[in-house]
């Protein structure tokens, strides 16, 4: 485009002594319209910068530019709507010669199939939205390539004023399925725009029934997001919504299952208030809400359901694999006493693998909660603790009829248990060996710092007539005080690991709980020892500075040399870290090549 014409369009300059717009435009009309690298005409440029008078003058001279499109198939109306230049939009619409031309202009789409109304809604320019809807209220605005209608965009972005304007002014507002087959109500619920939800629901209540690509309707998303008031007025209109499945084919759930998986006790109460019998709903795995709550470790939901006598039937209900909620609790390794001690859980129950909850608990990895769970399971039903101990002894005896000589799967379980114990024993031995080396270092530091505290640098006041007899001579120097404090810190931080390692030697054991304690106190002792070593270096530097302060250069030199150990330590740590990172990257590259 001619630089003079482009500059005039940017500034909105219609003409002066050096420039006449009409001459340039007539010349362009004869030789072909000039455009920018993006394909924008002079009218596009004027619309971009919001110069309505310039746009009006251009259209008076060359009205054919009104429907010209750039390389993205955008008209000047698209650009003005996107930028929110209301006056330019008004001028463009007013310059159409007849009603058909105006309809053609408002309905033209760009490369993404966006109309000017799409652009205005997405950019949230309410005045432009009102103007465009008023000019073509009978048009059913179709979805763009992303399946978004202007109504969907308004709902998704929470542009409530535009949404109301479209619903009230458009005679046939399009609510066709949007992205992932979702309605505008889906979009408003997922983004939690409650004003838009309320308006859409009042305008077209059956939108609640519409499922998306994954089989979820608006109620399902409202339940998942905890929008209790939204769920309340949806169910107030149509209670059967709560029974509709959420999902596709052989993998689906229901609203109460969704609430249980999210741990939303208040939502479950709201659903049960509207539809008390929805507690009996099952998902595609024949699991009730209690099953789902146990699977997702939602203990509060489990307790809430068990508080009601009406939910007793859920306790011993088997799923498609024959597992009751108690079976699933045993598999999770969790511990909810209210479920274990429930009267209906005290009878023997077997799943399709002929396993009781106790059998499943035995297969789980050892944890503190598992021990409590097994103890409680042994105390209920016909399978008491004594019987359990006898059964354990019997099951781990070799079977002479077993051709493999392993005693079966349970004997293999015993071997796995032994292997785990050996691994724990190795860990304990490794910790204790490291502790032996650490205790030598800690003892050495403790001895040195004790000696340094008794024989302070600079000596003591020995004048028998002095009131400060026996006091440190350098006590008034800041560097000496820093020496005393850092020496005390080093002494204390080396004494603590000695006590800890002594305690570790007394309680060393391979049980999981003791192993965890050993690891924690070992880490604490290591940190204290590191701190004591740092304090020793500081004590050395400050002590030397206190005694050599009359020769400042020598004092600084000695302190700097003494402090190099800290710098070297961090350099070694960084070097080791770089080696580890390099090895990780090399391993990852080899993995990708393989």
Protein backbone atom coordinates (compact mmCIF):
# COMPACT_ATOMS: atom_id res chain seq x y z
CA UNK A 1 0.00 0.00 0.00
CA UNK A 2 1.10 3.54 -0.79
CA UNK A 3 2.80 4.91 2.39
CA UNK A 4 0.97 8.23 2.10
CA UNK A 5 -2.44 6.52 1.87
CA UNK A 6 -1.58 4.12 4.71
CA UNK A 7 -0.46 6.96 6.98
CA UNK A 8 -3.65 8.88 6.21
CA UNK A 9 -5.78 5.85 7.12
CA UNK A 10 -3.85 5.40 10.37
CA UNK A 11 -4.37 9.05 11.34
CA UNK A 12 -7.85 9.42 9.88
CA UNK A 13 -6.70 12.23 7.60
CA UNK A 14 -9.32 12.75 4.90
CA UNK A 15 -7.38 15.46 3.07
CA UNK A 16 -5.28 18.61 3.34
CA UNK A 17 -3.20 20.81 1.07
CA UNK A 18 -0.73 17.98 0.41
CA UNK A 19 -3.13 15.06 0.27
CA UNK A 20 -6.51 14.40 -1.30
CA UNK A 21 -8.16 11.08 -0.40
CA UNK A 22 -10.48 11.05 -3.41
CA UNK A 23 -7.63 11.21 -5.89
CA UNK A 24 -5.83 8.26 -4.30
CA UNK A 25 -8.97 6.12 -4.11
CA UNK A 26 -10.02 6.80 -7.71
CA UNK A 27 -6.54 5.95 -8.87
CA UNK A 28 -6.72 2.72 -6.86
CA UNK A 29 -10.12 1.86 -8.32
CA UNK A 30 -8.70 2.12 -11.82
CA UNK A 31 -5.48 0.20 -11.13
CA UNK A 32 -6.67 -2.25 -8.50
CA UNK A 33 -7.01 -1.68 -4.76
CA UNK A 34 -3.82 -1.43 -2.79
CA UNK A 35 -3.49 -3.71 0.24
CA UNK A 36 -1.09 -4.32 3.12
CA UNK A 37 0.90 -7.59 3.47
CA UNK A 38 -2.08 -8.98 5.45
CA UNK A 39 -4.42 -8.13 2.60
CA UNK A 40 -6.04 -5.17 4.41
CA UNK A 41 -7.53 -2.42 2.28
CA UNK A 42 -7.57 1.22 3.35
CA UNK A 43 -11.03 0.58 4.87
CA UNK A 44 -9.64 -2.27 6.99
CA UNK A 45 -6.90 0.05 8.27
CA UNK A 46 -9.40 2.77 9.15
CA UNK A 47 -11.56 0.20 10.99
CA UNK A 48 -8.52 -1.07 12.88
CA UNK A 49 -7.67 2.40 14.22
CA UNK A 50 -11.30 3.45 14.79
CA UNK A 51 -11.59 6.36 12.33
CA UNK A 52 -15.32 6.44 11.52
CA UNK A 53 -15.27 9.70 9.50
CA UNK A 54 -12.45 8.39 7.34
CA UNK A 55 -14.35 5.11 6.80
CA UNK A 56 -17.50 7.03 5.82
CA UNK A 57 -15.57 9.11 3.29
CA UNK A 58 -13.91 6.01 1.82
CA UNK A 59 -17.28 4.30 1.32
CA UNK A 60 -18.75 7.37 -0.35
CA UNK A 61 -16.02 7.20 -2.98
CA UNK A 62 -15.54 3.40 -3.29
CA UNK A 63 -18.50 1.50 -1.74
CA UNK A 64 -17.14 -1.76 -3.18
CA UNK A 65 -14.58 -1.87 -0.34
CA UNK A 66 -17.37 -2.61 2.16
CA UNK A 67 -17.36 -6.37 1.48
CA UNK A 68 -13.68 -6.75 0.62
CA UNK A 69 -11.89 -9.42 2.63
CA UNK A 70 -8.26 -9.66 3.68
CA UNK A 71 -6.12 -12.82 3.67
CA UNK A 72 -8.02 -14.12 6.73
CA UNK A 73 -11.31 -13.46 4.94
CA UNK A 74 -12.07 -10.66 7.41
CA UNK A 75 -14.13 -7.66 6.33
CA UNK A 76 -13.70 -4.21 7.84
CA UNK A 77 -16.76 -5.04 9.99
CA UNK A 78 -14.95 -8.04 11.49
CA UNK A 79 -11.99 -5.85 12.45
CA UNK A 80 -14.10 -3.00 13.86
CA UNK A 81 -16.18 -5.47 15.92
CA UNK A 82 -13.09 -7.19 17.25
CA UNK A 83 -11.54 -3.86 18.29
CA UNK A 84 -14.79 -2.54 19.79
CA UNK A 85 -15.03 0.56 17.56
CA UNK A 86 -18.79 1.08 17.82
CA UNK A 87 -18.95 4.20 15.63
CA UNK A 88 -17.06 2.48 12.83
CA UNK A 89 -19.47 -0.47 13.03
CA UNK A 90 -22.41 1.93 12.87
CA UNK A 91 -20.94 3.67 9.83
CA UNK A 92 -20.29 0.39 8.02
CA UNK A 93 -23.83 -0.84 8.64
CA UNK A 94 -25.34 2.51 7.65
CA UNK A 95 -23.47 2.55 4.33
CA UNK A 96 -25.17 -0.60 3.02
CA UNK A 97 -27.43 0.29 0.12
CA UNK A 98 -30.24 -2.14 0.89
CA UNK A 99 -31.39 -4.72 3.44
CA UNK A 100 -29.92 -7.63 1.50
CA UNK A 101 -26.46 -6.07 1.44
CA UNK A 102 -26.65 -5.41 5.18
CA UNK A 103 -27.59 -9.03 5.86
CA UNK A 104 -24.79 -10.23 3.63
CA UNK A 105 -22.27 -8.08 5.50
CA UNK A 106 -23.33 -9.16 9.02
CA UNK A 107 -23.41 -12.81 7.98
CA UNK A 108 -20.04 -12.94 6.22
CA UNK A 109 -17.55 -15.24 7.91
CA UNK A 110 -13.77 -15.19 8.09
CA UNK A 111 -11.38 -18.12 7.65
CA UNK A 112 -12.43 -19.51 11.05
CA UNK A 113 -16.12 -19.08 10.11
CA UNK A 114 -16.46 -16.29 12.69
CA UNK A 115 -19.06 -13.62 12.00
CA UNK A 116 -18.62 -10.06 13.27
CA UNK A 117 -20.85 -11.01 16.22
CA UNK A 118 -18.48 -13.85 17.14
CA UNK A 119 -15.64 -11.31 17.21
CA UNK A 120 -17.57 -8.80 19.34
CA UNK A 121 -18.63 -11.41 21.91
CA UNK A 122 -15.18 -12.96 22.16
CA UNK A 123 -13.63 -9.50 22.72
CA UNK A 124 -16.50 -8.56 25.11
CA UNK A 125 -17.66 -5.35 23.42
CA UNK A 126 -21.28 -5.03 24.56
CA UNK A 127 -22.23 -1.96 22.50
CA UNK A 128 -21.08 -3.65 19.31
CA UNK A 129 -22.98 -6.82 20.25
CA UNK A 130 -26.19 -4.86 20.75
CA UNK A 131 -25.75 -3.06 17.45
CA UNK A 132 -25.09 -6.22 15.42
CA UNK A 133 -27.94 -8.19 17.00
CA UNK A 134 -30.36 -5.34 16.43
CA UNK A 135 -29.40 -5.07 12.76
CA UNK A 136 -29.91 -8.79 12.00
CA UNK A 137 -32.07 -10.31 14.74
CA UNK A 138 -33.58 -12.99 12.48
CA UNK A 139 -30.29 -14.67 11.59
CA UNK A 140 -29.48 -18.01 13.25
CA UNK A 141 -25.79 -17.44 13.82
CA UNK A 142 -24.08 -20.75 12.96
CA UNK A 143 -21.11 -22.25 14.81
CA UNK A 144 -17.58 -21.52 13.65
CA UNK A 145 -14.95 -24.15 12.87
CA UNK A 146 -14.48 -24.71 16.62
CA UNK A 147 -18.25 -25.32 16.90
CA UNK A 148 -18.70 -22.09 18.91
CA UNK A 149 -21.79 -19.95 18.41
CA UNK A 150 -21.93 -16.37 19.77
CA UNK A 151 -24.26 -17.67 22.51
CA UNK A 152 -21.75 -20.38 23.47
CA UNK A 153 -18.89 -17.85 23.59
CA UNK A 154 -20.90 -15.54 25.84
CA UNK A 155 -21.76 -18.40 28.21
CA UNK A 156 -18.21 -19.75 28.34
CA UNK A 157 -16.62 -16.35 29.01
CA UNK A 158 -19.28 -15.25 31.50
CA UNK A 159 -20.31 -12.30 29.29
CA UNK A 160 -23.76 -12.19 30.87
CA UNK A 161 -24.95 -8.89 29.38
CA UNK A 162 -24.20 -10.09 25.85
CA UNK A 163 -25.86 -13.43 26.58
CA UNK A 164 -29.05 -11.68 27.77
CA UNK A 165 -29.02 -9.42 24.72
CA UNK A 166 -28.72 -12.39 22.34
CA UNK A 167 -31.47 -14.34 24.12
CA UNK A 168 -33.87 -11.37 24.21
CA UNK A 169 -33.17 -9.83 20.79
CA UNK A 170 -32.42 -12.78 18.52
CA UNK A 171 -35.59 -14.49 17.36
CA UNK A 172 -33.80 -17.83 16.90
CA UNK A 173 -30.62 -17.86 19.02
CA UNK A 174 -28.57 -20.88 18.06
CA UNK A 175 -27.76 -23.28 20.89
CA UNK A 176 -26.47 -26.10 18.71
CA UNK A 177 -23.89 -28.47 20.13
CA UNK A 178 -20.58 -26.71 20.66
CA UNK A 179 -17.07 -28.06 21.27
CA UNK A 180 -17.17 -31.67 22.51
CA UNK A 181 -20.92 -31.61 21.81
CA UNK A 182 -21.49 -29.27 24.76
CA UNK A 183 -24.34 -26.78 25.00
CA UNK A 184 -23.93 -23.19 26.24
CA UNK A 185 -25.30 -24.41 29.57
CA UNK A 186 -22.47 -26.94 29.79
CA UNK A 187 -19.96 -24.15 29.17
CA UNK A 188 -21.50 -21.84 31.80
CA UNK A 189 -21.57 -24.61 34.43
CA UNK A 190 -17.99 -25.77 33.77
CA UNK A 191 -16.73 -22.17 34.06
CA UNK A 192 -19.02 -21.61 37.10
CA UNK A 193 -20.69 -18.47 35.69
CA UNK A 194 -23.83 -18.60 37.84
CA UNK A 195 -25.60 -15.61 36.23
CA UNK A 196 -25.25 -17.20 32.80
CA UNK A 197 -26.36 -20.58 34.17
CA UNK A 198 -29.51 -19.05 35.64
CA UNK A 199 -30.43 -17.15 32.47
CA UNK A 200 -29.83 -20.10 30.13
CA UNK A 201 -31.73 -22.48 32.37
CA UNK A 202 -34.76 -20.17 32.55
CA UNK A 203 -34.63 -19.63 28.78
CA UNK A 204 -34.43 -23.32 27.84
CA UNK A 205 -34.73 -25.79 30.72
CA UNK A 206 -34.36 -28.92 28.54
CA UNK A 207 -30.70 -27.97 28.00
CA UNK A 208 -30.12 -29.77 31.33
CA UNK A 209 -30.86 -33.08 29.62
CA UNK A 210 -28.34 -32.69 26.81
CA UNK A 211 -25.22 -34.92 27.17
CA UNK A 212 -21.81 -33.94 25.85
CA UNK A 213 -19.36 -36.13 23.95
CA UNK A 214 -18.55 -38.06 27.16
CA UNK A 215 -22.17 -38.53 28.18
CA UNK A 216 -22.19 -35.90 30.94
CA UNK A 217 -25.05 -33.42 31.20
CA UNK A 218 -25.00 -30.04 32.94
CA UNK A 219 -26.21 -31.49 36.25
CA UNK A 220 -23.27 -33.91 36.38
CA UNK A 221 -20.76 -31.06 36.01
CA UNK A 222 -22.63 -28.96 38.59
CA UNK A 223 -22.41 -31.86 41.07
CA UNK A 224 -18.69 -32.37 40.39
CA UNK A 225 -17.94 -28.67 40.91
CA UNK A 226 -20.06 -28.44 44.07
CA UNK A 227 -22.60 -25.92 42.70
CA UNK A 228 -25.32 -26.80 45.21
CA UNK A 229 -27.73 -23.98 44.32
CA UNK A 230 -27.51 -24.84 40.61
CA UNK A 231 -28.19 -28.52 41.35
CA UNK A 232 -31.09 -27.54 43.60
CA UNK A 233 -33.05 -25.59 41.01
CA UNK A 234 -32.28 -28.13 38.27
CA UNK A 235 -33.68 -30.96 40.39
CA UNK A 236 -36.54 -28.73 41.49
CA UNK A 237 -37.56 -28.60 37.84
CA UNK A 238 -36.92 -32.24 36.95
CA UNK A 239 -35.94 -34.78 39.62
CA UNK A 240 -35.32 -37.52 37.08
CA UNK A 241 -32.06 -35.78 36.09
CA UNK A 242 -30.39 -37.40 39.09
CA UNK A 243 -30.97 -40.87 37.63
CA UNK A 244 -29.40 -40.15 34.25
CA UNK A 245 -26.03 -41.91 33.75
CA UNK A 246 -22.85 -39.91 33.17
CA UNK A 247 -20.56 -41.70 30.76
CA UNK A 248 -20.58 -43.83 27.65
CA UNK A 249 -20.95 -47.50 26.78
CA UNK A 250 -19.67 -49.70 29.62
CA UNK A 251 -18.11 -46.95 31.71
CA UNK A 252 -20.66 -44.71 33.39
CA UNK A 253 -21.61 -43.33 36.77
CA UNK A 254 -24.37 -41.19 38.33
CA UNK A 255 -24.65 -37.88 40.15
CA UNK A 256 -24.45 -39.37 43.65
CA UNK A 257 -21.35 -41.37 42.69
CA UNK A 258 -19.72 -38.18 41.39
CA UNK A 259 -20.47 -36.38 44.65
CA UNK A 260 -19.07 -39.33 46.64
CA UNK A 261 -15.84 -39.41 44.61
CA UNK A 262 -15.39 -35.66 45.19
CA UNK A 263 -15.96 -36.04 48.95
CA UNK A 264 -18.81 -33.49 48.89
CA UNK A 265 -20.99 -34.42 51.88
CA UNK A 266 -23.29 -31.40 51.46
CA UNK A 267 -23.94 -32.27 47.81
CA UNK A 268 -24.86 -35.85 48.75
CA UNK A 269 -27.32 -34.53 51.35
CA UNK A 270 -28.86 -32.20 48.78
CA UNK A 271 -29.28 -35.05 46.26
CA UNK A 272 -30.83 -37.30 48.91
CA UNK A 273 -33.20 -34.52 50.00
CA UNK A 274 -34.55 -34.24 46.46
CA UNK A 275 -34.41 -37.95 45.58
CA UNK A 276 -34.00 -40.20 48.66
CA UNK A 277 -33.94 -43.39 46.58
CA UNK A 278 -30.92 -42.26 44.52
CA UNK A 279 -28.75 -43.77 47.28
CA UNK A 280 -29.49 -47.16 45.71
CA UNK A 281 -28.11 -46.21 42.30
CA UNK A 282 -25.24 -48.33 40.95
CA UNK A 283 -22.56 -47.43 38.43
CA UNK A 284 -21.30 -49.57 35.54
CA UNK A 285 -19.29 -51.70 38.01
CA UNK A 286 -22.39 -52.32 40.15
CA UNK A 287 -20.90 -50.13 42.87
CA UNK A 288 -22.97 -47.91 45.14
CA UNK A 289 -21.96 -44.52 46.54
CA UNK A 290 -20.29 -46.15 49.57
CA UNK A 291 -18.07 -48.25 47.30
CA UNK A 292 -16.96 -45.12 45.44
CA UNK A 293 -16.32 -43.15 48.64
CA UNK A 294 -14.10 -45.96 49.98
CA UNK A 295 -12.22 -46.26 46.68
CA UNK A 296 -11.44 -42.53 46.71
CA UNK A 297 -10.51 -42.47 50.44
CA UNK A 298 -13.33 -40.03 51.19
CA UNK A 299 -13.67 -40.92 54.87
CA UNK A 300 -16.10 -38.08 55.67
CA UNK A 301 -18.51 -39.30 53.01
CA UNK A 302 -18.27 -42.86 54.37
CA UNK A 303 -19.09 -41.66 57.89
CA UNK A 304 -21.92 -39.46 56.62
CA UNK A 305 -23.55 -42.34 54.74
CA UNK A 306 -23.16 -44.70 57.69
CA UNK A 307 -24.82 -42.17 60.03
CA UNK A 308 -28.13 -42.81 58.29
CA UNK A 309 -30.02 -46.03 58.95
CA UNK A 310 -31.44 -45.77 55.43
CA UNK A 311 -27.99 -46.47 53.98
CA UNK A 312 -27.43 -49.73 55.90
CA UNK A 313 -28.10 -51.79 52.80
CA UNK A 314 -25.06 -50.26 51.11
CA UNK A 315 -22.64 -51.79 53.62
CA UNK A 316 -22.84 -55.43 52.49
CA UNK A 317 -23.80 -54.86 48.83
CA UNK A 318 -21.32 -56.57 46.44
CA UNK A 319 -20.09 -54.99 43.23
CA UNK A 320 -19.51 -56.78 39.92
CA UNK A 321 -16.41 -58.48 41.39
CA UNK A 322 -18.23 -59.48 44.54
CA UNK A 323 -16.41 -56.90 46.66
CA UNK A 324 -18.29 -55.14 49.44
CA UNK A 325 -17.18 -51.69 50.62
CA UNK A 326 -15.28 -53.50 53.40
CA UNK A 327 -13.31 -55.51 50.81
CA UNK A 328 -12.34 -52.26 49.06
CA UNK A 329 -11.38 -50.68 52.38
CA UNK A 330 -9.07 -53.63 53.11
CA UNK A 331 -7.46 -53.27 49.66
CA UNK A 332 -6.88 -49.54 50.15
CA UNK A 333 -4.98 -50.03 53.39
CA UNK A 334 -7.11 -47.25 54.89
CA UNK A 335 -8.82 -47.49 58.28
CA UNK A 336 -12.39 -46.30 58.87
CA UNK A 337 -13.57 -47.77 62.16
CA UNK A 338 -17.22 -46.84 61.56
CA UNK A 339 -17.39 -49.13 58.52
CA UNK A 340 -15.43 -51.98 60.14
CA UNK A 341 -17.65 -51.98 63.24
CA UNK A 342 -20.94 -51.58 61.37
CA UNK A 343 -23.38 -54.39 62.34
CA UNK A 344 -23.91 -55.44 58.73
CA UNK A 345 -20.14 -55.72 58.16
CA UNK A 346 -19.74 -58.35 60.86
CA UNK A 347 -20.84 -61.29 58.76
CA UNK A 348 -18.47 -63.31 56.63
CA UNK A 349 -18.45 -62.06 53.04
CA UNK A 350 -16.52 -63.52 50.11
CA UNK A 351 -15.85 -61.91 46.74
CA UNK A 352 -15.66 -63.81 43.45
CA UNK A 353 -12.04 -64.73 44.23
CA UNK A 354 -13.30 -66.38 47.43
CA UNK A 355 -11.50 -63.75 49.53
CA UNK A 356 -12.65 -62.13 52.75
CA UNK A 357 -11.66 -58.56 53.62
CA UNK A 358 -9.02 -60.05 55.94
CA UNK A 359 -7.52 -62.08 53.08
CA UNK A 360 -7.22 -58.92 51.01
CA UNK A 361 -5.66 -57.00 53.90
CA UNK A 362 -2.98 -59.70 54.24
CA UNK A 363 -1.89 -59.11 50.64
CA UNK A 364 -1.36 -55.37 51.17
CA UNK A 365 1.99 -53.81 52.04
CA UNK A 366 2.67 -53.40 55.75
CA UNK A 367 1.60 -50.03 57.19
CA UNK A 368 0.50 -48.74 60.57
CA UNK A 369 -3.09 -48.45 59.34
CA UNK A 370 -2.94 -52.02 57.99
CA UNK A 371 -2.05 -53.37 61.42
CA UNK A 372 -5.00 -51.56 63.00
CA UNK A 373 -7.25 -52.70 60.16
CA UNK A 374 -6.26 -56.35 60.57
CA UNK A 375 -6.71 -56.17 64.33
CA UNK A 376 -10.24 -54.81 63.90
CA UNK A 377 -11.10 -57.30 61.15
CA UNK A 378 -9.97 -60.19 63.37
CA UNK A 379 -12.32 -59.05 66.10
CA UNK A 380 -15.51 -59.26 64.01
CA UNK A 381 -17.60 -62.06 62.60
CA UNK A 382 -17.05 -65.81 62.87
CA UNK A 383 -13.37 -65.44 62.15
CA UNK A 384 -11.83 -64.48 65.51
CA UNK A 385 -8.26 -63.55 66.33
CA UNK A 386 -7.34 -67.01 67.61
CA UNK A 387 -8.68 -68.67 64.46
CA UNK A 388 -6.76 -66.15 62.40
CA UNK A 389 -3.47 -67.03 64.09
CA UNK A 390 -4.10 -70.75 63.56
CA UNK A 391 -4.98 -70.16 59.93
CA UNK A 392 -1.79 -68.14 59.38
CA UNK A 393 0.35 -70.98 60.85
CA UNK A 394 -1.44 -73.59 58.76
CA UNK A 395 -1.24 -71.62 55.53
CA UNK A 396 2.50 -71.10 55.79
CA UNK A 397 3.26 -74.79 56.39
CA UNK A 398 4.76 -76.59 53.35
CA UNK A 399 2.30 -78.74 51.44
CA UNK A 400 3.70 -82.26 50.85
CA UNK A 401 1.34 -82.72 47.88
CA UNK A 402 2.62 -79.56 46.19
CA UNK A 403 4.81 -80.67 43.30
CA UNK A 404 6.60 -77.34 43.21
CA UNK A 405 7.75 -77.75 46.80
CA UNK A 406 6.99 -74.11 47.51
CA UNK A 407 3.91 -74.59 49.65
CA UNK A 408 1.75 -72.61 47.20
CA UNK A 409 0.99 -68.92 46.86
CA UNK A 410 0.83 -68.26 50.59
CA UNK A 411 4.30 -69.73 51.12
CA UNK A 412 5.52 -67.44 48.35
CA UNK A 413 3.97 -64.58 50.29
CA UNK A 414 6.03 -65.65 53.32
CA UNK A 415 9.19 -65.65 51.19
CA UNK A 416 8.36 -62.16 49.94
CA UNK A 417 7.88 -61.09 53.54
CA UNK A 418 11.32 -62.51 54.43
CA UNK A 419 12.89 -60.67 51.50
CA UNK A 420 11.32 -57.46 52.69
CA UNK A 421 12.72 -58.03 56.17
CA UNK A 422 16.19 -58.63 54.73
CA UNK A 423 15.99 -55.41 52.76
CA UNK A 424 14.98 -53.52 55.89
CA UNK A 425 17.84 -55.14 57.79
CA UNK A 426 20.30 -53.93 55.13
CA UNK A 427 18.94 -50.40 55.45
CA UNK A 428 19.31 -50.46 59.25
CA UNK A 429 22.89 -51.76 59.00
CA UNK A 430 23.77 -49.06 56.45
CA UNK A 431 22.40 -46.35 58.72
CA UNK A 432 24.28 -47.69 61.76
CA UNK A 433 27.57 -47.90 59.84
CA UNK A 434 27.26 -44.31 58.74
CA UNK A 435 26.38 -43.36 62.30
CA UNK A 436 29.63 -44.91 63.54
CA UNK A 437 31.67 -42.65 61.26
CA UNK A 438 29.57 -39.63 62.18
CA UNK A 439 29.99 -40.23 65.91
CA UNK A 440 33.78 -40.13 65.53
CA UNK A 441 33.55 -36.77 63.78
CA UNK A 442 31.04 -35.46 66.32
CA UNK A 443 33.24 -36.55 69.25
CA UNK A 444 36.30 -34.90 67.71
CA UNK A 445 34.46 -31.62 67.14
CA UNK A 446 33.01 -31.71 70.64
CA UNK A 447 36.50 -32.21 72.13
CA UNK A 448 38.06 -29.41 70.06
CA UNK A 449 35.31 -26.91 70.81
CA UNK A 450 35.41 -27.77 74.52
CA UNK A 451 39.18 -27.18 74.57
CA UNK A 452 38.82 -23.91 72.65
CA UNK A 453 36.20 -22.73 75.13
CA UNK A 454 38.48 -23.41 78.09
CA UNK A 455 41.63 -21.89 76.52
CA UNK A 456 40.22 -18.75 74.95
CA UNK A 457 42.38 -16.83 72.41
CA UNK A 458 44.16 -13.84 73.96
CA UNK A 459 44.21 -15.42 77.43
CA UNK A 460 42.71 -14.20 80.70
CA UNK A 461 43.22 -11.16 82.91
CA UNK A 462 45.93 -12.19 85.46
CA UNK A 463 46.51 -8.91 87.34
CA UNK A 464 45.64 -9.66 91.00
CA UNK A 465 44.57 -6.06 91.58
CA UNK A 466 42.27 -5.88 88.58
CA UNK A 467 38.52 -6.16 89.23
CA UNK A 468 38.28 -8.25 86.00
CA UNK A 469 40.70 -10.89 87.21
CA UNK A 470 40.03 -14.22 85.42
CA UNK A 471 37.98 -12.58 82.63
CA UNK A 472 38.90 -12.91 78.93
CA UNK A 473 41.16 -10.10 77.78
CA UNK A 474 39.54 -9.76 74.31
CA UNK A 475 35.94 -9.84 75.59
CA UNK A 476 35.17 -6.35 74.28
CA UNK A 477 36.00 -7.22 70.67
CA UNK A 478 33.11 -8.13 68.38
CA UNK A 479 35.17 -10.77 66.59
CA UNK A 480 35.97 -12.44 69.94
CA UNK A 481 32.27 -12.51 70.85
CA UNK A 482 31.48 -14.06 67.45
CA UNK A 483 34.13 -16.68 68.19
CA UNK A 484 32.57 -17.55 71.56
CA UNK A 485 29.02 -17.83 70.10
CA UNK A 486 30.06 -19.95 67.09
CA UNK A 487 32.19 -22.19 69.36
CA UNK A 488 29.17 -22.75 71.61
CA UNK A 489 26.98 -23.56 68.58
CA UNK A 490 29.56 -26.04 67.30
CA UNK A 491 29.81 -27.70 70.73
CA UNK A 492 26.01 -28.03 71.06
CA UNK A 493 25.44 -29.22 67.49
CA UNK A 494 28.13 -31.90 67.90
CA UNK A 495 26.78 -33.03 71.28
CA UNK A 496 23.25 -33.55 69.95
CA UNK A 497 24.29 -36.15 67.29
CA UNK A 498 26.24 -38.09 69.94
CA UNK A 499 23.13 -38.38 72.08
CA UNK A 500 21.01 -39.29 69.03
CA UNK A 501 23.44 -42.01 67.87
CA UNK A 502 23.50 -43.42 71.39
CA UNK A 503 19.70 -43.58 71.31
CA UNK A 504 19.77 -45.21 67.84
CA UNK A 505 22.02 -47.96 69.12
CA UNK A 506 19.48 -48.74 71.85
CA UNK A 507 16.38 -48.95 69.63
CA UNK A 508 17.88 -50.39 66.40
CA UNK A 509 15.31 -52.79 64.93
CA UNK A 510 13.94 -53.85 61.52
CA UNK A 511 10.26 -53.14 62.18
CA UNK A 512 8.80 -50.56 59.75
CA UNK A 513 7.95 -48.07 62.49
CA UNK A 514 11.43 -48.23 64.12
CA UNK A 515 13.07 -48.00 60.68
CA UNK A 516 11.14 -44.84 59.93
CA UNK A 517 12.17 -43.37 63.32
CA UNK A 518 15.82 -44.30 62.69
CA UNK A 519 15.79 -42.60 59.30
CA UNK A 520 14.27 -39.40 60.69
CA UNK A 521 16.62 -39.07 63.69
CA UNK A 522 19.60 -39.98 61.49
CA UNK A 523 18.69 -37.14 59.12
CA UNK A 524 18.36 -34.77 62.09
CA UNK A 525 21.76 -35.82 63.48
CA UNK A 526 23.39 -35.37 60.06
CA UNK A 527 22.02 -31.84 59.76
CA UNK A 528 23.24 -30.95 63.28
CA UNK A 529 26.69 -32.34 62.46
CA UNK A 530 26.86 -30.31 59.24
CA UNK A 531 25.89 -27.19 61.19
CA UNK A 532 28.57 -27.88 63.82
CA UNK A 533 31.25 -28.20 61.13
CA UNK A 534 30.18 -24.87 59.66
CA UNK A 535 30.26 -23.28 63.12
CA UNK A 536 33.80 -24.65 63.72
CA UNK A 537 35.06 -22.93 60.55
CA UNK A 538 33.43 -19.67 61.63
CA UNK A 539 34.92 -20.03 65.15
CA UNK A 540 38.39 -20.54 63.68
CA UNK A 541 38.11 -17.48 61.43
CA UNK A 542 36.71 -15.17 64.11
CA UNK A 543 39.18 -16.40 66.75
CA UNK A 544 42.15 -15.77 64.47
CA UNK A 545 40.79 -12.33 63.54
CA UNK A 546 40.43 -11.42 67.21
CA UNK A 547 44.06 -12.27 68.00
CA UNK A 548 45.54 -10.80 64.78
CA UNK A 549 43.43 -7.65 64.50
CA UNK A 550 46.48 -5.36 65.02
CA UNK A 551 47.74 -6.64 61.66
CA UNK A 552 44.61 -6.25 59.56
CA UNK A 553 46.11 -7.61 56.33
CA UNK A 554 47.36 -10.77 58.01
CA UNK A 555 44.06 -11.23 59.87
CA UNK A 556 42.00 -10.95 56.66
CA UNK A 557 44.35 -13.33 54.81
CA UNK A 558 44.17 -16.00 57.52
CA UNK A 559 40.36 -15.69 57.81
CA UNK A 560 39.95 -15.94 54.02
CA UNK A 561 42.11 -19.08 53.85
CA UNK A 562 40.18 -20.63 56.74
CA UNK A 563 36.84 -19.86 55.08
CA UNK A 564 37.86 -21.55 51.81
CA UNK A 565 36.69 -24.88 53.21
CA UNK A 566 33.07 -23.69 53.06
CA UNK A 567 33.49 -22.56 49.46
CA UNK A 568 35.17 -25.82 48.48
CA UNK A 569 32.36 -27.78 50.12
CA UNK A 570 29.70 -26.03 48.03
CA UNK A 571 31.78 -26.44 44.87
CA UNK A 572 32.01 -30.18 45.51
CA UNK A 573 28.25 -30.37 46.09
CA UNK A 574 27.57 -28.49 42.83
CA UNK A 575 30.03 -30.73 40.95
CA UNK A 576 28.42 -33.89 42.27
CA UNK A 577 24.98 -32.52 41.42
CA UNK A 578 26.08 -31.75 37.85
CA UNK A 579 27.39 -35.32 37.46
CA UNK A 580 24.05 -36.72 38.63
CA UNK A 581 22.10 -34.45 36.28
CA UNK A 582 24.41 -35.35 33.39
CA UNK A 583 23.89 -39.07 34.04
CA UNK A 584 20.11 -38.60 34.19
CA UNK A 585 20.10 -36.71 30.87
CA UNK A 586 22.34 -39.33 29.25
CA UNK A 587 20.08 -42.13 30.46
CA UNK A 588 17.02 -40.32 29.13
CA UNK A 589 18.67 -39.82 25.72
CA UNK A 590 19.56 -43.52 25.56
CA UNK A 591 15.99 -44.37 26.49
CA UNK A 592 14.63 -42.19 23.68
CA UNK A 593 17.02 -43.72 21.14
CA UNK A 594 16.04 -47.23 22.17
